[in-house]
Amino acid sequence: MSLTINIYYTGKNGSARAFAKEMVESGLVERIRKEEGNLKYEYFFPMDDEETVLLIDRWENEEAIEKHHKTEMMSEIAKLRDKYNIHMRVEQFVLKHN
């Protein structure tokens, strides 16, 4: 089983893209990608909505994402969300492997 989480970050005046840029440039994204169980952590930009950034976040299993949610990185991400005044919409998908 793996989990895929789509997180839509939305702001104003380019704040969502600035948030994603700082996430990458600060090294947070690379640290998350190196966590045990992380399969994907990648940002995309919808063509029809310049104020939204899509994060596709994929983990091997529930335990891996729960461990990630307990790291100090989550508070760093929350501070950046506040800094850029962005809002989130989350979708979660579970892929069951046979």
Protein backbone atom coordinates (compact mmCIF):
# COMPACT_ATOMS: atom_id res chain seq x y z
CA MET A 1 0.00 0.00 0.00
CA SER A 2 1.19 3.53 -0.71
CA LEU A 3 -0.37 6.91 0.04
CA THR A 4 -0.51 9.86 -2.31
CA ILE A 5 -1.50 13.23 -0.94
CA ASN A 6 -2.30 16.13 -3.25
CA ILE A 7 -2.00 19.43 -1.44
CA TYR A 8 -3.24 22.55 -3.20
CA TYR A 9 -1.62 25.69 -1.76
CA THR A 10 -3.47 28.87 -2.72
CA GLY A 11 -2.55 32.46 -1.98
CA LYS A 12 -2.57 35.91 -3.55
CA ASN A 13 -0.11 37.90 -5.64
CA GLY A 14 2.19 34.93 -6.26
CA SER A 15 2.51 33.93 -2.60
CA ALA A 16 1.91 30.22 -3.25
CA ARG A 17 4.73 30.07 -5.80
CA ALA A 18 6.98 32.08 -3.46
CA PHE A 19 6.19 29.55 -0.71
CA ALA A 20 7.15 26.61 -2.98
CA LYS A 21 10.32 28.41 -4.05
CA GLU A 22 11.38 28.98 -0.45
CA MET A 23 10.57 25.36 0.42
CA VAL A 24 13.02 24.26 -2.29
CA GLU A 25 15.70 26.90 -1.69
CA SER A 26 15.70 26.40 2.10
CA GLY A 27 16.51 22.71 1.66
CA LEU A 28 13.25 21.54 3.27
CA VAL A 29 12.13 19.71 0.13
CA GLU A 30 15.41 17.82 -0.16
CA ARG A 31 15.27 16.85 3.53
CA ILE A 32 11.73 15.51 3.09
CA ARG A 33 12.69 13.57 -0.03
CA LYS A 34 15.47 11.87 1.96
CA GLU A 35 13.10 10.68 4.69
CA GLU A 36 12.60 6.95 4.93
CA GLY A 37 9.41 6.00 3.10
CA ASN A 38 9.11 9.12 0.94
CA LEU A 39 8.49 8.19 -2.69
CA LYS A 40 7.73 11.63 -4.17
CA TYR A 41 7.61 15.25 -3.10
CA GLU A 42 7.15 17.48 -6.11
CA TYR A 43 5.47 20.80 -6.90
CA PHE A 44 3.40 21.54 -10.01
CA PHE A 45 1.76 24.72 -11.26
CA PRO A 46 -1.78 24.55 -12.69
CA MET A 47 -1.99 26.33 -16.04
CA ASP A 48 -5.39 27.84 -15.33
CA ASP A 49 -4.71 29.08 -11.77
CA GLU A 50 -1.57 31.15 -11.22
CA GLU A 51 -2.35 31.54 -7.51
CA THR A 52 -2.25 27.81 -6.74
CA VAL A 53 0.60 25.33 -6.41
CA LEU A 54 0.00 21.57 -6.31
CA LEU A 55 2.24 19.40 -4.17
CA ILE A 56 2.18 15.67 -4.90
CA ASP A 57 3.44 13.92 -1.79
CA ARG A 58 3.74 10.09 -1.91
CA TRP A 59 4.72 7.75 0.93
CA GLU A 60 5.30 3.98 1.15
CA ASN A 61 2.77 3.53 3.95
CA GLU A 62 0.80 5.19 6.74
CA GLU A 63 3.63 4.69 9.25
CA ALA A 64 6.08 6.65 7.07
CA ILE A 65 3.80 9.66 6.72
CA GLU A 66 2.90 9.58 10.42
CA LYS A 67 6.60 9.64 11.27
CA HIS A 68 7.06 12.58 8.87
CA HIS A 69 4.20 14.47 10.52
CA LYS A 70 6.04 14.23 13.87
CA THR A 71 9.25 15.81 12.58
CA GLU A 72 10.38 19.37 13.25
CA MET A 73 10.01 20.00 9.52
CA MET A 74 6.25 20.20 9.94
CA SER A 75 6.59 23.28 12.16
CA GLU A 76 9.01 24.82 9.63
CA ILE A 77 6.45 24.24 6.86
CA ALA A 78 3.66 25.72 9.01
CA LYS A 79 5.75 28.85 9.62
CA LEU A 80 6.28 29.28 5.88
CA ARG A 81 2.55 28.81 5.21
CA ASP A 82 1.86 31.57 7.73
CA LYS A 83 4.59 33.78 6.30
CA TYR A 84 3.04 33.59 2.81
CA ASN A 85 -0.58 33.53 4.08
CA ILE A 86 -1.54 30.55 1.98
CA HIS A 87 -4.42 28.12 2.39
CA MET A 88 -4.48 24.37 1.81
CA ARG A 89 -6.88 21.90 0.27
CA VAL A 90 -5.90 18.24 0.70
CA GLU A 91 -6.84 15.08 -1.20
CA GLN A 92 -5.57 11.66 -0.14
CA PHE A 93 -5.41 8.50 -2.23
CA VAL A 94 -4.50 4.99 -1.12
CA LEU A 95 -3.00 2.58 -3.65
CA LYS A 96 -3.34 -1.03 -2.61
CA HIS A 97 -0.76 -3.35 -4.11
CA ASN A 98 -1.77 -6.93 -4.88
